[in-house]
Amino acid sequence: MSLVAAFVAGALAAGYLVIGLFFARFYKRTRDRLFLMFAIAFWVLVVQRIATVLTAEWIEDTTWLYGLRLLAFVIILVAIIDKNRATEG
């Protein structure tokens, strides 16, 4: 992995971490599960970005890294569905 790609991945990881902390703060204030699930999803994205940089040189099969990204987006989707179902009833 090039130095520029590693730098961009690190910047993205830092951004995801900050976004996760904001959602965690909103959860602490409101106790709304939507914010907690969003925070967890963004922290999963942090782990995925860091793992991408750390394993780029020695692992050829990185399918599981995209599985982590998929997990984060599924968590976000579940959070949105859960929030919309809670307000219907």
C-alpha atoms as a PDB file:
ATOM      1  CA  MET A   1       0.000   0.000   0.000  1.00  0.00           C
ATOM      2  CA  SER A   2       1.350   3.392  -0.903  1.00  0.00           C
ATOM      3  CA  LEU A   3       2.026   6.049   1.678  1.00  0.00           C
ATOM      4  CA  VAL A   4      -0.731   8.274   0.279  1.00  0.00           C
ATOM      5  CA  ALA A   5      -3.307   5.462   0.434  1.00  0.00           C
ATOM      6  CA  ALA A   6      -2.305   4.704   4.032  1.00  0.00           C
ATOM      7  CA  PHE A   7      -2.603   8.394   4.913  1.00  0.00           C
ATOM      8  CA  VAL A   8      -6.087   8.612   3.374  1.00  0.00           C
ATOM      9  CA  ALA A   9      -7.176   5.431   5.169  1.00  0.00           C
ATOM     10  CA  GLY A  10      -5.892   6.882   8.449  1.00  0.00           C
ATOM     11  CA  ALA A  11      -7.727  10.155   7.856  1.00  0.00           C
ATOM     12  CA  LEU A  12     -10.929   8.242   7.125  1.00  0.00           C
ATOM     13  CA  ALA A  13     -10.468   6.151  10.272  1.00  0.00           C
ATOM     14  CA  ALA A  14      -9.979   9.303  12.344  1.00  0.00           C
ATOM     15  CA  GLY A  15     -13.096  10.835  10.807  1.00  0.00           C
ATOM     16  CA  TYR A  16     -15.147   7.704  11.473  1.00  0.00           C
ATOM     17  CA  LEU A  17     -13.891   7.678  15.062  1.00  0.00           C
ATOM     18  CA  VAL A  18     -14.957  11.295  15.614  1.00  0.00           C
ATOM     19  CA  ILE A  19     -18.366  10.671  14.051  1.00  0.00           C
ATOM     20  CA  GLY A  20     -18.794   7.619  16.295  1.00  0.00           C
ATOM     21  CA  LEU A  21     -17.922   9.711  19.341  1.00  0.00           C
ATOM     22  CA  PHE A  22     -20.514  12.326  18.356  1.00  0.00           C
ATOM     23  CA  PHE A  23     -23.200   9.654  18.034  1.00  0.00           C
ATOM     24  CA  ALA A  24     -22.131   8.158  21.376  1.00  0.00           C
ATOM     25  CA  ARG A  25     -22.483  11.581  22.981  1.00  0.00           C
ATOM     26  CA  PHE A  26     -25.944  12.005  21.457  1.00  0.00           C
ATOM     27  CA  TYR A  27     -26.875   8.544  22.765  1.00  0.00           C
ATOM     28  CA  LYS A  28     -25.661   9.461  26.246  1.00  0.00           C
ATOM     29  CA  ARG A  29     -27.832  12.565  26.154  1.00  0.00           C
ATOM     30  CA  THR A  30     -31.017  11.058  24.684  1.00  0.00           C
ATOM     31  CA  ARG A  31     -30.750   7.280  25.325  1.00  0.00           C
ATOM     32  CA  ASP A  32     -32.038   6.726  21.775  1.00  0.00           C
ATOM     33  CA  ARG A  33     -30.882   3.373  20.351  1.00  0.00           C
ATOM     34  CA  LEU A  34     -30.516   4.900  16.889  1.00  0.00           C
ATOM     35  CA  PHE A  35     -27.525   6.943  18.043  1.00  0.00           C
ATOM     36  CA  LEU A  36     -25.920   3.966  19.788  1.00  0.00           C
ATOM     37  CA  MET A  37     -26.249   1.781  16.705  1.00  0.00           C
ATOM     38  CA  PHE A  38     -24.832   4.522  14.481  1.00  0.00           C
ATOM     39  CA  ALA A  39     -21.858   4.913  16.852  1.00  0.00           C
ATOM     40  CA  ILE A  40     -21.197   1.167  16.749  1.00  0.00           C
ATOM     41  CA  ALA A  41     -21.452   1.131  12.949  1.00  0.00           C
ATOM     42  CA  PHE A  42     -18.913   3.919  12.590  1.00  0.00           C
ATOM     43  CA  TRP A  43     -16.548   2.203  15.025  1.00  0.00           C
ATOM     44  CA  VAL A  44     -16.797  -0.958  12.918  1.00  0.00           C
ATOM     45  CA  LEU A  45     -15.767   1.199   9.949  1.00  0.00           C
ATOM     46  CA  VAL A  46     -12.758   2.407  11.978  1.00  0.00           C
ATOM     47  CA  VAL A  47     -11.711  -1.192  12.595  1.00  0.00           C
ATOM     48  CA  GLN A  48     -12.167  -1.986   8.899  1.00  0.00           C
ATOM     49  CA  ARG A  49      -9.983   0.935   7.774  1.00  0.00           C
ATOM     50  CA  ILE A  50      -7.218   0.133  10.252  1.00  0.00           C
ATOM     51  CA  ALA A  51      -7.288  -3.543   9.317  1.00  0.00           C
ATOM     52  CA  THR A  52      -7.102  -2.622   5.642  1.00  0.00           C
ATOM     53  CA  VAL A  53      -3.878  -0.705   6.216  1.00  0.00           C
ATOM     54  CA  LEU A  54      -2.322  -3.268   8.536  1.00  0.00           C
ATOM     55  CA  THR A  55      -3.080  -6.308   6.377  1.00  0.00           C
ATOM     56  CA  ALA A  56      -2.542  -4.813   2.912  1.00  0.00           C
ATOM     57  CA  GLU A  57       0.944  -6.221   2.473  1.00  0.00           C
ATOM     58  CA  TRP A  58       0.592  -9.781   3.729  1.00  0.00           C
ATOM     59  CA  ILE A  59      -2.966 -10.979   3.103  1.00  0.00           C
ATOM     60  CA  GLU A  60      -4.161 -11.595  -0.426  1.00  0.00           C
ATOM     61  CA  ASP A  61      -7.758 -12.517   0.431  1.00  0.00           C
ATOM     62  CA  THR A  62      -9.321  -9.426   1.968  1.00  0.00           C
ATOM     63  CA  THR A  63     -12.946 -10.411   1.489  1.00  0.00           C
ATOM     64  CA  TRP A  64     -13.514 -10.375   5.235  1.00  0.00           C
ATOM     65  CA  LEU A  65     -12.596  -6.678   5.293  1.00  0.00           C
ATOM     66  CA  TYR A  66     -15.506  -5.935   3.001  1.00  0.00           C
ATOM     67  CA  GLY A  67     -17.643  -8.097   5.284  1.00  0.00           C
ATOM     68  CA  LEU A  68     -16.844  -5.669   8.101  1.00  0.00           C
ATOM     69  CA  ARG A  69     -17.960  -2.772   5.926  1.00  0.00           C
ATOM     70  CA  LEU A  70     -21.137  -4.665   5.049  1.00  0.00           C
ATOM     71  CA  LEU A  71     -21.747  -5.278   8.764  1.00  0.00           C
ATOM     72  CA  ALA A  72     -21.510  -1.551   9.456  1.00  0.00           C
ATOM     73  CA  PHE A  73     -24.034  -0.702   6.755  1.00  0.00           C
ATOM     74  CA  VAL A  74     -26.381  -3.465   7.941  1.00  0.00           C
ATOM     75  CA  ILE A  75     -26.219  -2.017  11.470  1.00  0.00           C
ATOM     76  CA  ILE A  76     -27.157   1.402  10.078  1.00  0.00           C
ATOM     77  CA  LEU A  77     -30.029  -0.116   8.095  1.00  0.00           C
ATOM     78  CA  VAL A  78     -31.311  -2.021  11.130  1.00  0.00           C
ATOM     79  CA  ALA A  79     -31.096   1.159  13.235  1.00  0.00           C
ATOM     80  CA  ILE A  80     -33.188   3.104  10.725  1.00  0.00           C
ATOM     81  CA  ILE A  81     -35.773   0.337  10.432  1.00  0.00           C
ATOM     82  CA  ASP A  82     -35.922  -0.019  14.227  1.00  0.00           C
ATOM     83  CA  LYS A  83     -36.431   3.730  14.653  1.00  0.00           C
ATOM     84  CA  ASN A  84     -39.211   3.837  12.056  1.00  0.00           C
ATOM     85  CA  ARG A  85     -41.003   0.830  13.510  1.00  0.00           C
ATOM     86  CA  ALA A  86     -40.843   2.318  17.003  1.00  0.00           C
ATOM     87  CA  THR A  87     -42.572   5.523  15.883  1.00  0.00           C
ATOM     88  CA  GLU A  88     -45.365   3.742  13.965  1.00  0.00           C
ATOM     89  CA  GLY A  89     -47.045   2.185  16.985  1.00  0.00           C
END
